[in-house]
Amino acid sequence: MSFYVTDIDSVALQIGNGAPKPVTWKDVRDSLQSRYERFGDSVTVVARIHPKARYMALVDLVDEFNLAKTTRFSIDRYTTWDDSLLRTAGFRTAGPVGLPTPEEAEGDTPGEL
């Protein structure tokens, strides 16, 4: 389960290898709670936040994780691959200029974003 927050603070949800779908903040909580009810504490969530997204969007997302009792989540770097994935799914994005490639993101040291 992956959540993406774009540069304009829109939120997308991707389950498995499916296409990302736009969701509202209420949908975020509902999706997390239904996964928790079905799978318990074994659900791992990845959040990818565009570097130009508002800081409050990150805080709101983590708040939703906490409210839905999500204990396993990772905040990962938003890369050119994520931008392309969202564009292909019909999301408006600013484009990949200035974003790291997946290879560049893998070379980061732990704790750096």
PDB file of N, CA and C in Angstrom:
ATOM      1  N   MET A   1       0.853  -1.159   0.000  1.00  0.00           N
ATOM      2  CA  MET A   1       0.000   0.000   0.000  1.00  0.00           C
ATOM      3  C   MET A   1       0.903   1.227   0.000  1.00  0.00           C
ATOM      4  N   SER A   2       0.716   2.080  -0.996  1.00  0.00           N
ATOM      5  CA  SER A   2       1.536   3.284  -1.119  1.00  0.00           C
ATOM      6  C   SER A   2       0.652   4.511  -1.260  1.00  0.00           C
ATOM      7  N   PHE A   3       1.046   5.568  -0.578  1.00  0.00           N
ATOM      8  CA  PHE A   3       0.399   6.868  -0.725  1.00  0.00           C
ATOM      9  C   PHE A   3       1.403   7.825  -1.345  1.00  0.00           C
ATOM     10  N   TYR A   4       0.940   8.636  -2.264  1.00  0.00           N
ATOM     11  CA  TYR A   4       1.765   9.655  -2.904  1.00  0.00           C
ATOM     12  C   TYR A   4       1.133  11.011  -2.620  1.00  0.00           C
ATOM     13  N   VAL A   5       1.944  11.985  -2.255  1.00  0.00           N
ATOM     14  CA  VAL A   5       1.471  13.361  -2.117  1.00  0.00           C
ATOM     15  C   VAL A   5       2.232  14.173  -3.154  1.00  0.00           C
ATOM     16  N   THR A   6       1.501  14.804  -4.072  1.00  0.00           N
ATOM     17  CA  THR A   6       2.127  15.530  -5.175  1.00  0.00           C
ATOM     18  C   THR A   6       2.526  16.939  -4.758  1.00  0.00           C
ATOM     19  N   ASP A   7       3.129  17.641  -5.695  1.00  0.00           N
ATOM     20  CA  ASP A   7       3.563  19.011  -5.445  1.00  0.00           C
ATOM     21  C   ASP A   7       2.388  19.955  -5.200  1.00  0.00           C
ATOM     22  N   ILE A   8       1.180  19.569  -5.584  1.00  0.00           N
ATOM     23  CA  ILE A   8       0.007  20.398  -5.307  1.00  0.00           C
ATOM     24  C   ILE A   8      -0.839  19.789  -4.189  1.00  0.00           C
ATOM     25  N   ASP A   9      -0.221  18.905  -3.408  1.00  0.00           N
ATOM     26  CA  ASP A   9      -0.840  18.287  -2.230  1.00  0.00           C
ATOM     27  C   ASP A   9      -2.035  17.387  -2.531  1.00  0.00           C
ATOM     28  N   SER A  10      -2.166  16.930  -3.780  1.00  0.00           N
ATOM     29  CA  SER A  10      -3.191  15.919  -4.030  1.00  0.00           C
ATOM     30  C   SER A  10      -2.626  14.579  -3.583  1.00  0.00           C
ATOM     31  N   VAL A  11      -3.511  13.672  -3.202  1.00  0.00           N
ATOM     32  CA  VAL A  11      -3.102  12.390  -2.642  1.00  0.00           C
ATOM     33  C   VAL A  11      -3.567  11.263  -3.561  1.00  0.00           C
ATOM     34  N   ALA A  12      -2.676  10.294  -3.755  1.00  0.00           N
ATOM     35  CA  ALA A  12      -2.993   9.112  -4.552  1.00  0.00           C
ATOM     36  C   ALA A  12      -2.719   7.876  -3.717  1.00  0.00           C
ATOM     37  N   LEU A  13      -3.495   6.847  -3.950  1.00  0.00           N
ATOM     38  CA  LEU A  13      -3.332   5.559  -3.265  1.00  0.00           C
ATOM     39  C   LEU A  13      -3.071   4.487  -4.312  1.00  0.00           C
ATOM     40  N   GLN A  14      -2.049   3.684  -4.064  1.00  0.00           N
ATOM     41  CA  GLN A  14      -1.740   2.549  -4.922  1.00  0.00           C
ATOM     42  C   GLN A  14      -1.719   1.299  -4.053  1.00  0.00           C
ATOM     43  N   ILE A  15      -2.495   0.303  -4.447  1.00  0.00           N
ATOM     44  CA  ILE A  15      -2.509  -0.974  -3.741  1.00  0.00           C
ATOM     45  C   ILE A  15      -1.817  -1.991  -4.634  1.00  0.00           C
ATOM     46  N   GLY A  16      -0.770  -2.604  -4.137  1.00  0.00           N
ATOM     47  CA  GLY A  16      -0.015  -3.569  -4.926  1.00  0.00           C
ATOM     48  C   GLY A  16       0.546  -2.939  -6.183  1.00  0.00           C
ATOM     49  N   ASN A  17       0.381  -3.640  -7.292  1.00  0.00           N
ATOM     50  CA  ASN A  17       0.880  -3.132  -8.570  1.00  0.00           C
ATOM     51  C   ASN A  17      -0.187  -2.398  -9.369  1.00  0.00           C
ATOM     52  N   GLY A  18      -1.337  -2.140  -8.750  1.00  0.00           N
ATOM     53  CA  GLY A  18      -2.407  -1.436  -9.441  1.00  0.00           C
ATOM     54  C   GLY A  18      -2.041   0.009  -9.726  1.00  0.00           C
ATOM     55  N   ALA A  19      -2.853   0.650 -10.551  1.00  0.00           N
ATOM     56  CA  ALA A  19      -2.636   2.057 -10.879  1.00  0.00           C
ATOM     57  C   ALA A  19      -3.000   2.937  -9.685  1.00  0.00           C
ATOM     58  N   PRO A  20      -2.254   3.999  -9.453  1.00  0.00           N
ATOM     59  CA  PRO A  20      -2.613   4.932  -8.377  1.00  0.00           C
ATOM     60  C   PRO A  20      -3.963   5.585  -8.675  1.00  0.00           C
ATOM     61  N   LYS A  21      -4.742   5.772  -7.627  1.00  0.00           N
ATOM     62  CA  LYS A  21      -6.059   6.389  -7.760  1.00  0.00           C
ATOM     63  C   LYS A  21      -6.123   7.599  -6.826  1.00  0.00           C
ATOM     64  N   PRO A  22      -6.784   8.672  -7.269  1.00  0.00           N
ATOM     65  CA  PRO A  22      -6.912   9.836  -6.394  1.00  0.00           C
ATOM     66  C   PRO A  22      -7.788   9.505  -5.189  1.00  0.00           C
ATOM     67  N   VAL A  23      -7.404  10.025  -4.028  1.00  0.00           N
ATOM     68  CA  VAL A  23      -8.188   9.826  -2.811  1.00  0.00           C
ATOM     69  C   VAL A  23      -8.264  11.138  -2.046  1.00  0.00           C
ATOM     70  N   THR A  24      -9.301  11.247  -1.236  1.00  0.00           N
ATOM     71  CA  THR A  24      -9.427  12.389  -0.330  1.00  0.00           C
ATOM     72  C   THR A  24      -8.769  12.017   0.996  1.00  0.00           C
ATOM     73  N   TRP A  25      -8.621  12.981   1.884  1.00  0.00           N
ATOM     74  CA  TRP A  25      -8.038  12.684   3.190  1.00  0.00           C
ATOM     75  C   TRP A  25      -8.918  11.708   3.962  1.00  0.00           C
ATOM     76  N   LYS A  26     -10.255  11.797   3.785  1.00  0.00           N
ATOM     77  CA  LYS A  26     -11.139  10.829   4.446  1.00  0.00           C
ATOM     78  C   LYS A  26     -10.903   9.428   3.880  1.00  0.00           C
ATOM     79  N   ASP A  27     -10.684   9.342   2.566  1.00  0.00           N
ATOM     80  CA  ASP A  27     -10.390   8.047   1.944  1.00  0.00           C
ATOM     81  C   ASP A  27      -9.099   7.443   2.486  1.00  0.00           C
ATOM     82  N   VAL A  28      -8.131   8.304   2.810  1.00  0.00           N
ATOM     83  CA  VAL A  28      -6.862   7.821   3.369  1.00  0.00           C
ATOM     84  C   VAL A  28      -7.142   7.036   4.643  1.00  0.00           C
ATOM     85  N   ARG A  29      -7.878   7.659   5.559  1.00  0.00           N
ATOM     86  CA  ARG A  29      -8.175   6.997   6.829  1.00  0.00           C
ATOM     87  C   ARG A  29      -9.013   5.740   6.621  1.00  0.00           C
ATOM     88  N   ASP A  30     -10.042   5.828   5.771  1.00  0.00           N
ATOM     89  CA  ASP A  30     -10.897   4.669   5.523  1.00  0.00           C
ATOM     90  C   ASP A  30     -10.099   3.504   4.937  1.00  0.00           C
ATOM     91  N   SER A  31      -9.198   3.800   3.998  1.00  0.00           N
ATOM     92  CA  SER A  31      -8.366   2.755   3.388  1.00  0.00           C
ATOM     93  C   SER A  31      -7.463   2.103   4.422  1.00  0.00           C
ATOM     94  N   LEU A  32      -6.853   2.928   5.255  1.00  0.00           N
ATOM     95  CA  LEU A  32      -5.962   2.404   6.286  1.00  0.00           C
ATOM     96  C   LEU A  32      -6.721   1.558   7.300  1.00  0.00           C
ATOM     97  N   GLN A  33      -7.892   2.047   7.723  1.00  0.00           N
ATOM     98  CA  GLN A  33      -8.669   1.306   8.717  1.00  0.00           C
ATOM     99  C   GLN A  33      -9.177  -0.021   8.160  1.00  0.00           C
ATOM    100  N   SER A  34      -9.610  -0.027   6.904  1.00  0.00           N
ATOM    101  CA  SER A  34     -10.104  -1.289   6.340  1.00  0.00           C
ATOM    102  C   SER A  34      -8.962  -2.296   6.191  1.00  0.00           C
ATOM    103  N   ARG A  35      -7.769  -1.830   5.838  1.00  0.00           N
ATOM    104  CA  ARG A  35      -6.607  -2.727   5.759  1.00  0.00           C
ATOM    105  C   ARG A  35      -6.235  -3.244   7.142  1.00  0.00           C
ATOM    106  N   TYR A  36      -6.317  -2.376   8.148  1.00  0.00           N
ATOM    107  CA  TYR A  36      -6.001  -2.791   9.510  1.00  0.00           C
ATOM    108  C   TYR A  36      -6.998  -3.850   9.987  1.00  0.00           C
ATOM    109  N   GLU A  37      -8.290  -3.622   9.713  1.00  0.00           N
ATOM    110  CA  GLU A  37      -9.310  -4.593  10.122  1.00  0.00           C
ATOM    111  C   GLU A  37      -9.112  -5.937   9.429  1.00  0.00           C
ATOM    112  N   ARG A  38      -8.667  -5.905   8.186  1.00  0.00           N
ATOM    113  CA  ARG A  38      -8.507  -7.144   7.418  1.00  0.00           C
ATOM    114  C   ARG A  38      -7.194  -7.872   7.732  1.00  0.00           C
ATOM    115  N   PHE A  39      -6.093  -7.114   7.866  1.00  0.00           N
ATOM    116  CA  PHE A  39      -4.779  -7.732   8.004  1.00  0.00           C
ATOM    117  C   PHE A  39      -4.102  -7.474   9.343  1.00  0.00           C
ATOM    118  N   GLY A  40      -4.716  -6.676  10.188  1.00  0.00           N
ATOM    119  CA  GLY A  40      -4.107  -6.377  11.483  1.00  0.00           C
ATOM    120  C   GLY A  40      -2.853  -5.537  11.339  1.00  0.00           C
ATOM    121  N   ASP A  41      -1.895  -5.818  12.197  1.00  0.00           N
ATOM    122  CA  ASP A  41      -0.677  -5.009  12.268  1.00  0.00           C
ATOM    123  C   ASP A  41       0.357  -5.385  11.210  1.00  0.00           C
ATOM    124  N   SER A  42       0.011  -6.278  10.293  1.00  0.00           N
ATOM    125  CA  SER A  42       0.995  -6.732   9.309  1.00  0.00           C
ATOM    126  C   SER A  42       1.061  -5.845   8.065  1.00  0.00           C
ATOM    127  N   VAL A  43       0.233  -4.818   7.983  1.00  0.00           N
ATOM    128  CA  VAL A  43       0.222  -3.944   6.817  1.00  0.00           C
ATOM    129  C   VAL A  43       1.390  -2.966   6.895  1.00  0.00           C
ATOM    130  N   THR A  44       2.144  -2.885   5.805  1.00  0.00           N
ATOM    131  CA  THR A  44       3.223  -1.902   5.705  1.00  0.00           C
ATOM    132  C   THR A  44       2.822  -0.867   4.669  1.00  0.00           C
ATOM    133  N   VAL A  45       2.947   0.392   5.025  1.00  0.00           N
ATOM    134  CA  VAL A  45       2.546   1.482   4.156  1.00  0.00           C
ATOM    135  C   VAL A  45       3.787   2.293   3.788  1.00  0.00           C
ATOM    136  N   VAL A  46       3.872   2.669   2.510  1.00  0.00           N
ATOM    137  CA  VAL A  46       4.946   3.535   2.045  1.00  0.00           C
ATOM    138  C   VAL A  46       4.318   4.864   1.637  1.00  0.00           C
ATOM    139  N   ALA A  47       4.892   5.947   2.100  1.00  0.00           N
ATOM    140  CA  ALA A  47       4.434   7.288   1.722  1.00  0.00           C
ATOM    141  C   ALA A  47       5.549   7.968   0.945  1.00  0.00           C
ATOM    142  N   ARG A  48       5.201   8.480  -0.219  1.00  0.00           N
ATOM    143  CA  ARG A  48       6.178   9.217  -1.017  1.00  0.00           C
ATOM    144  C   ARG A  48       5.662  10.644  -1.176  1.00  0.00           C
ATOM    145  N   ILE A  49       6.429  11.565  -0.669  1.00  0.00           N
ATOM    146  CA  ILE A  49       6.008  12.964  -0.621  1.00  0.00           C
ATOM    147  C   ILE A  49       6.871  13.781  -1.581  1.00  0.00           C
ATOM    148  N   HIS A  50       6.229  14.503  -2.492  1.00  0.00           N
ATOM    149  CA  HIS A  50       6.962  15.374  -3.414  1.00  0.00           C
ATOM    150  C   HIS A  50       7.691  16.440  -2.594  1.00  0.00           C
ATOM    151  N   PRO A  51       8.921  16.784  -2.973  1.00  0.00           N
ATOM    152  CA  PRO A  51       9.673  17.770  -2.196  1.00  0.00           C
ATOM    153  C   PRO A  51       9.023  19.151  -2.136  1.00  0.00           C
ATOM    154  N   LYS A  52       8.119  19.457  -3.076  1.00  0.00           N
ATOM    155  CA  LYS A  52       7.442  20.758  -3.047  1.00  0.00           C
ATOM    156  C   LYS A  52       6.070  20.694  -2.379  1.00  0.00           C
ATOM    157  N   ALA A  53       5.692  19.526  -1.880  1.00  0.00           N
ATOM    158  CA  ALA A  53       4.423  19.415  -1.146  1.00  0.00           C
ATOM    159  C   ALA A  53       4.555  20.199   0.159  1.00  0.00           C
ATOM    160  N   ARG A  54       3.442  20.681   0.651  1.00  0.00           N
ATOM    161  CA  ARG A  54       3.477  21.408   1.923  1.00  0.00           C
ATOM    162  C   ARG A  54       3.880  20.465   3.055  1.00  0.00           C
ATOM    163  N   TYR A  55       4.619  20.969   3.999  1.00  0.00           N
ATOM    164  CA  TYR A  55       5.014  20.184   5.167  1.00  0.00           C
ATOM    165  C   TYR A  55       3.775  19.672   5.903  1.00  0.00           C
ATOM    166  N   MET A  56       2.723  20.476   5.949  1.00  0.00           N
ATOM    167  CA  MET A  56       1.494  20.067   6.650  1.00  0.00           C
ATOM    168  C   MET A  56       0.848  18.859   5.990  1.00  0.00           C
ATOM    169  N   ALA A  57       1.066  18.662   4.687  1.00  0.00           N
ATOM    170  CA  ALA A  57       0.533  17.466   4.029  1.00  0.00           C
ATOM    171  C   ALA A  57       1.208  16.219   4.592  1.00  0.00           C
ATOM    172  N   LEU A  58       2.496  16.301   4.833  1.00  0.00           N
ATOM    173  CA  LEU A  58       3.222  15.195   5.464  1.00  0.00           C
ATOM    174  C   LEU A  58       2.697  14.955   6.875  1.00  0.00           C
ATOM    175  N   VAL A  59       2.526  16.011   7.636  1.00  0.00           N
ATOM    176  CA  VAL A  59       2.020  15.892   9.004  1.00  0.00           C
ATOM    177  C   VAL A  59       0.613  15.299   8.995  1.00  0.00           C
ATOM    178  N   ASP A  60      -0.237  15.765   8.087  1.00  0.00           N
ATOM    179  CA  ASP A  60      -1.603  15.231   7.985  1.00  0.00           C
ATOM    180  C   ASP A  60      -1.585  13.733   7.672  1.00  0.00           C
ATOM    181  N   LEU A  61      -0.691  13.323   6.778  1.00  0.00           N
ATOM    182  CA  LEU A  61      -0.612  11.911   6.408  1.00  0.00           C
ATOM    183  C   LEU A  61      -0.168  11.061   7.602  1.00  0.00           C
ATOM    184  N   VAL A  62       0.843  11.505   8.308  1.00  0.00           N
ATOM    185  CA  VAL A  62       1.301  10.762   9.490  1.00  0.00           C
ATOM    186  C   VAL A  62       0.210  10.740  10.564  1.00  0.00           C
ATOM    187  N   ASP A  63      -0.534  11.833  10.713  1.00  0.00           N
ATOM    188  CA  ASP A  63      -1.670  11.845  11.644  1.00  0.00           C
ATOM    189  C   ASP A  63      -2.691  10.777  11.259  1.00  0.00           C
ATOM    190  N   GLU A  64      -2.984  10.659   9.972  1.00  0.00           N
ATOM    191  CA  GLU A  64      -3.925   9.633   9.512  1.00  0.00           C
ATOM    192  C   GLU A  64      -3.390   8.236   9.810  1.00  0.00           C
ATOM    193  N   PHE A  65      -2.086   8.027   9.633  1.00  0.00           N
ATOM    194  CA  PHE A  65      -1.483   6.735   9.982  1.00  0.00           C
ATOM    195  C   PHE A  65      -1.719   6.433  11.454  1.00  0.00           C
ATOM    196  N   ASN A  66      -1.487   7.412  12.297  1.00  0.00           N
ATOM    197  CA  ASN A  66      -1.662   7.207  13.742  1.00  0.00           C
ATOM    198  C   ASN A  66      -3.114   6.950  14.114  1.00  0.00           C
ATOM    199  N   LEU A  67      -4.036   7.703  13.534  1.00  0.00           N
ATOM    200  CA  LEU A  67      -5.455   7.512  13.837  1.00  0.00           C
ATOM    201  C   LEU A  67      -5.954   6.138  13.407  1.00  0.00           C
ATOM    202  N   ALA A  68      -5.366   5.596  12.343  1.00  0.00           N
ATOM    203  CA  ALA A  68      -5.773   4.282  11.841  1.00  0.00           C
ATOM    204  C   ALA A  68      -4.936   3.151  12.438  1.00  0.00           C
ATOM    205  N   LYS A  69      -4.138   3.461  13.452  1.00  0.00           N
ATOM    206  CA  LYS A  69      -3.308   2.468  14.153  1.00  0.00           C
ATOM    207  C   LYS A  69      -2.284   1.802  13.230  1.00  0.00           C
ATOM    208  N   THR A  70      -1.807   2.546  12.240  1.00  0.00           N
ATOM    209  CA  THR A  70      -0.785   2.026  11.332  1.00  0.00           C
ATOM    210  C   THR A  70       0.571   2.195  12.003  1.00  0.00           C
ATOM    211  N   THR A  71       1.200   1.076  12.318  1.00  0.00           N
ATOM    212  CA  THR A  71       2.476   1.144  13.025  1.00  0.00           C
ATOM    213  C   THR A  71       3.661   0.878  12.114  1.00  0.00           C
ATOM    214  N   ARG A  72       3.422   0.348  10.945  1.00  0.00           N
ATOM    215  CA  ARG A  72       4.508   0.053  10.013  1.00  0.00           C
ATOM    216  C   ARG A  72       4.367   0.940   8.789  1.00  0.00           C
ATOM    217  N   PHE A  73       5.112   2.024   8.786  1.00  0.00           N
ATOM    218  CA  PHE A  73       5.100   2.876   7.610  1.00  0.00           C
ATOM    219  C   PHE A  73       6.482   3.456   7.387  1.00  0.00           C
ATOM    220  N   SER A  74       6.723   3.792   6.148  1.00  0.00           N
ATOM    221  CA  SER A  74       7.998   4.372   5.749  1.00  0.00           C
ATOM    222  C   SER A  74       7.721   5.596   4.893  1.00  0.00           C
ATOM    223  N   ILE A  75       8.471   6.651   5.140  1.00  0.00           N
ATOM    224  CA  ILE A  75       8.380   7.838   4.297  1.00  0.00           C
ATOM    225  C   ILE A  75       9.587   7.799   3.376  1.00  0.00           C
ATOM    226  N   ASP A  76       9.300   7.661   2.089  1.00  0.00           N
ATOM    227  CA  ASP A  76      10.356   7.461   1.101  1.00  0.00           C
ATOM    228  C   ASP A  76      10.460   8.669   0.188  1.00  0.00           C
ATOM    229  N   ARG A  77      11.562   8.725  -0.530  1.00  0.00           N
ATOM    230  CA  ARG A  77      11.815   9.827  -1.457  1.00  0.00           C
ATOM    231  C   ARG A  77      10.922   9.698  -2.690  1.00  0.00           C
ATOM    232  N   TYR A  78      10.346  10.808  -3.113  1.00  0.00           N
ATOM    233  CA  TYR A  78       9.544  10.893  -4.334  1.00  0.00           C
ATOM    234  C   TYR A  78      10.524  11.089  -5.490  1.00  0.00           C
ATOM    235  N   THR A  79      10.514  10.178  -6.459  1.00  0.00           N
ATOM    236  CA  THR A  79      11.503  10.201  -7.536  1.00  0.00           C
ATOM    237  C   THR A  79      10.846  10.434  -8.899  1.00  0.00           C
ATOM    238  N   THR A  80      11.689  10.462  -9.930  1.00  0.00           N
ATOM    239  CA  THR A  80      11.184  10.604 -11.295  1.00  0.00           C
ATOM    240  C   THR A  80      10.255   9.444 -11.653  1.00  0.00           C
ATOM    241  N   TRP A  81      10.539   8.257 -11.117  1.00  0.00           N
ATOM    242  CA  TRP A  81       9.690   7.092 -11.388  1.00  0.00           C
ATOM    243  C   TRP A  81       8.287   7.328 -10.823  1.00  0.00           C
ATOM    244  N   ASP A  82       8.197   7.846  -9.600  1.00  0.00           N
ATOM    245  CA  ASP A  82       6.896   8.124  -8.985  1.00  0.00           C
ATOM    246  C   ASP A  82       6.136   9.166  -9.795  1.00  0.00           C
ATOM    247  N   ASP A  83       6.853  10.208 -10.241  1.00  0.00           N
ATOM    248  CA  ASP A  83       6.232  11.260 -11.030  1.00  0.00           C
ATOM    249  C   ASP A  83       5.666  10.691 -12.333  1.00  0.00           C
ATOM    250  N   SER A  84       6.438   9.839 -13.001  1.00  0.00           N
ATOM    251  CA  SER A  84       5.976   9.211 -14.249  1.00  0.00           C
ATOM    252  C   SER A  84       4.777   8.303 -14.003  1.00  0.00           C
ATOM    253  N   LEU A  85       4.813   7.546 -12.913  1.00  0.00           N
ATOM    254  CA  LEU A  85       3.702   6.660 -12.567  1.00  0.00           C
ATOM    255  C   LEU A  85       2.415   7.460 -12.383  1.00  0.00           C
ATOM    256  N   LEU A  86       2.499   8.578 -11.676  1.00  0.00           N
ATOM    257  CA  LEU A  86       1.312   9.401 -11.444  1.00  0.00           C
ATOM    258  C   LEU A  86       0.836  10.079 -12.729  1.00  0.00           C
ATOM    259  N   ARG A  87       1.773  10.564 -13.548  1.00  0.00           N
ATOM    260  CA  ARG A  87       1.385  11.181 -14.824  1.00  0.00           C
ATOM    261  C   ARG A  87       0.653  10.181 -15.706  1.00  0.00           C
ATOM    262  N   THR A  88       1.156   8.951 -15.768  1.00  0.00           N
ATOM    263  CA  THR A  88       0.524   7.901 -16.573  1.00  0.00           C
ATOM    264  C   THR A  88      -0.880   7.603 -16.063  1.00  0.00           C
ATOM    265  N   ALA A  89      -1.085   7.726 -14.757  1.00  0.00           N
ATOM    266  CA  ALA A  89      -2.403   7.466 -14.161  1.00  0.00           C
ATOM    267  C   ALA A  89      -3.331   8.676 -14.290  1.00  0.00           C
ATOM    268  N   GLY A  90      -2.850   9.782 -14.894  1.00  0.00           N
ATOM    269  CA  GLY A  90      -3.717  10.935 -15.140  1.00  0.00           C
ATOM    270  C   GLY A  90      -3.585  12.072 -14.151  1.00  0.00           C
ATOM    271  N   PHE A  91      -2.613  12.007 -13.263  1.00  0.00           N
ATOM    272  CA  PHE A  91      -2.415  13.091 -12.303  1.00  0.00           C
ATOM    273  C   PHE A  91      -1.621  14.224 -12.935  1.00  0.00           C
ATOM    274  N   ARG A  92      -1.929  15.450 -12.526  1.00  0.00           N
ATOM    275  CA  ARG A  92      -1.141  16.591 -12.951  1.00  0.00           C
ATOM    276  C   ARG A  92       0.063  16.682 -12.021  1.00  0.00           C
ATOM    277  N   THR A  93       1.241  16.712 -12.605  1.00  0.00           N
ATOM    278  CA  THR A  93       2.458  16.869 -11.811  1.00  0.00           C
ATOM    279  C   THR A  93       3.307  17.945 -12.453  1.00  0.00           C
ATOM    280  N   ALA A  94       4.292  18.428 -11.721  1.00  0.00           N
ATOM    281  CA  ALA A  94       5.178  19.465 -12.239  1.00  0.00           C
ATOM    282  C   ALA A  94       6.227  18.894 -13.181  1.00  0.00           C
ATOM    283  N   GLY A  95       6.301  17.584 -13.292  1.00  0.00           N
ATOM    284  CA  GLY A  95       7.292  16.958 -14.155  1.00  0.00           C
ATOM    285  C   GLY A  95       8.530  16.559 -13.372  1.00  0.00           C
ATOM    286  N   PRO A  96       9.383  15.791 -14.015  1.00  0.00           N
ATOM    287  CA  PRO A  96      10.508  15.203 -13.295  1.00  0.00           C
ATOM    288  C   PRO A  96      11.708  16.122 -13.081  1.00  0.00           C
ATOM    289  N   VAL A  97      11.698  17.336 -13.621  1.00  0.00           N
ATOM    290  CA  VAL A  97      12.857  18.218 -13.489  1.00  0.00           C
ATOM    291  C   VAL A  97      13.157  18.465 -12.013  1.00  0.00           C
ATOM    292  N   GLY A  98      14.388  18.210 -11.636  1.00  0.00           N
ATOM    293  CA  GLY A  98      14.822  18.453 -10.263  1.00  0.00           C
ATOM    294  C   GLY A  98      14.589  17.304  -9.302  1.00  0.00           C
ATOM    295  N   LEU A  99      13.864  16.278  -9.736  1.00  0.00           N
ATOM    296  CA  LEU A  99      13.626  15.126  -8.869  1.00  0.00           C
ATOM    297  C   LEU A  99      14.764  14.120  -9.036  1.00  0.00           C
ATOM    298  N   PRO A 100      15.084  13.385  -7.984  1.00  0.00           N
ATOM    299  CA  PRO A 100      16.121  12.361  -8.130  1.00  0.00           C
ATOM    300  C   PRO A 100      15.593  11.169  -8.916  1.00  0.00           C
ATOM    301  N   THR A 101      16.476  10.484  -9.606  1.00  0.00           N
ATOM    302  CA  THR A 101      16.102   9.232 -10.246  1.00  0.00           C
ATOM    303  C   THR A 101      16.067   8.167  -9.148  1.00  0.00           C
ATOM    304  N   PRO A 102      15.415   7.024  -9.402  1.00  0.00           N
ATOM    305  CA  PRO A 102      15.423   5.954  -8.395  1.00  0.00           C
ATOM    306  C   PRO A 102      16.844   5.525  -8.022  1.00  0.00           C
ATOM    307  N   GLU A 103      17.747   5.523  -9.006  1.00  0.00           N
ATOM    308  CA  GLU A 103      19.124   5.133  -8.724  1.00  0.00           C
ATOM    309  C   GLU A 103      19.800   6.123  -7.785  1.00  0.00           C
ATOM    310  N   GLU A 104      19.555   7.425  -8.008  1.00  0.00           N
ATOM    311  CA  GLU A 104      20.133   8.450  -7.127  1.00  0.00           C
ATOM    312  C   GLU A 104      19.551   8.337  -5.726  1.00  0.00           C
ATOM    313  N   ALA A 105      18.259   8.039  -5.637  1.00  0.00           N
ATOM    314  CA  ALA A 105      17.616   7.918  -4.326  1.00  0.00           C
ATOM    315  C   ALA A 105      18.162   6.719  -3.560  1.00  0.00           C
ATOM    316  N   GLU A 106      18.481   5.633  -4.260  1.00  0.00           N
ATOM    317  CA  GLU A 106      19.036   4.448  -3.589  1.00  0.00           C
ATOM    318  C   GLU A 106      20.400   4.733  -3.001  1.00  0.00           C
ATOM    319  N   GLY A 107      21.122   5.688  -3.557  1.00  0.00           N
ATOM    320  CA  GLY A 107      22.462   5.997  -3.081  1.00  0.00           C
ATOM    321  C   GLY A 107      22.483   6.880  -1.854  1.00  0.00           C
ATOM    322  N   ASP A 108      21.311   7.366  -1.429  1.00  0.00           N
ATOM    323  CA  ASP A 108      21.255   8.222  -0.238  1.00  0.00           C
ATOM    324  C   ASP A 108      21.617   7.453   1.010  1.00  0.00           C
ATOM    325  N   THR A 109      22.180   8.161   1.950  1.00  0.00           N
ATOM    326  CA  THR A 109      22.458   7.537   3.232  1.00  0.00           C
ATOM    327  C   THR A 109      21.185   7.499   4.056  1.00  0.00           C
ATOM    328  N   PRO A 110      21.025   6.515   4.944  1.00  0.00           N
ATOM    329  CA  PRO A 110      19.813   6.428   5.755  1.00  0.00           C
ATOM    330  C   PRO A 110      19.571   7.716   6.536  1.00  0.00           C
ATOM    331  N   GLY A 111      18.315   8.104   6.581  1.00  0.00           N
ATOM    332  CA  GLY A 111      17.936   9.289   7.341  1.00  0.00           C
ATOM    333  C   GLY A 111      17.923  10.561   6.516  1.00  0.00           C
ATOM    334  N   GLU A 112      18.517  10.573   5.338  1.00  0.00           N
ATOM    335  CA  GLU A 112      18.494  11.755   4.488  1.00  0.00           C
ATOM    336  C   GLU A 112      17.316  11.679   3.556  1.00  0.00           C
ATOM    337  N   LEU A 113      16.639  12.809   3.374  1.00  0.00           N
ATOM    338  CA  LEU A 113      15.541  12.887   2.400  1.00  0.00           C
ATOM    339  C   LEU A 113      15.767  14.016   1.469  1.00  0.00           C
TER     340      LEU A 113
END
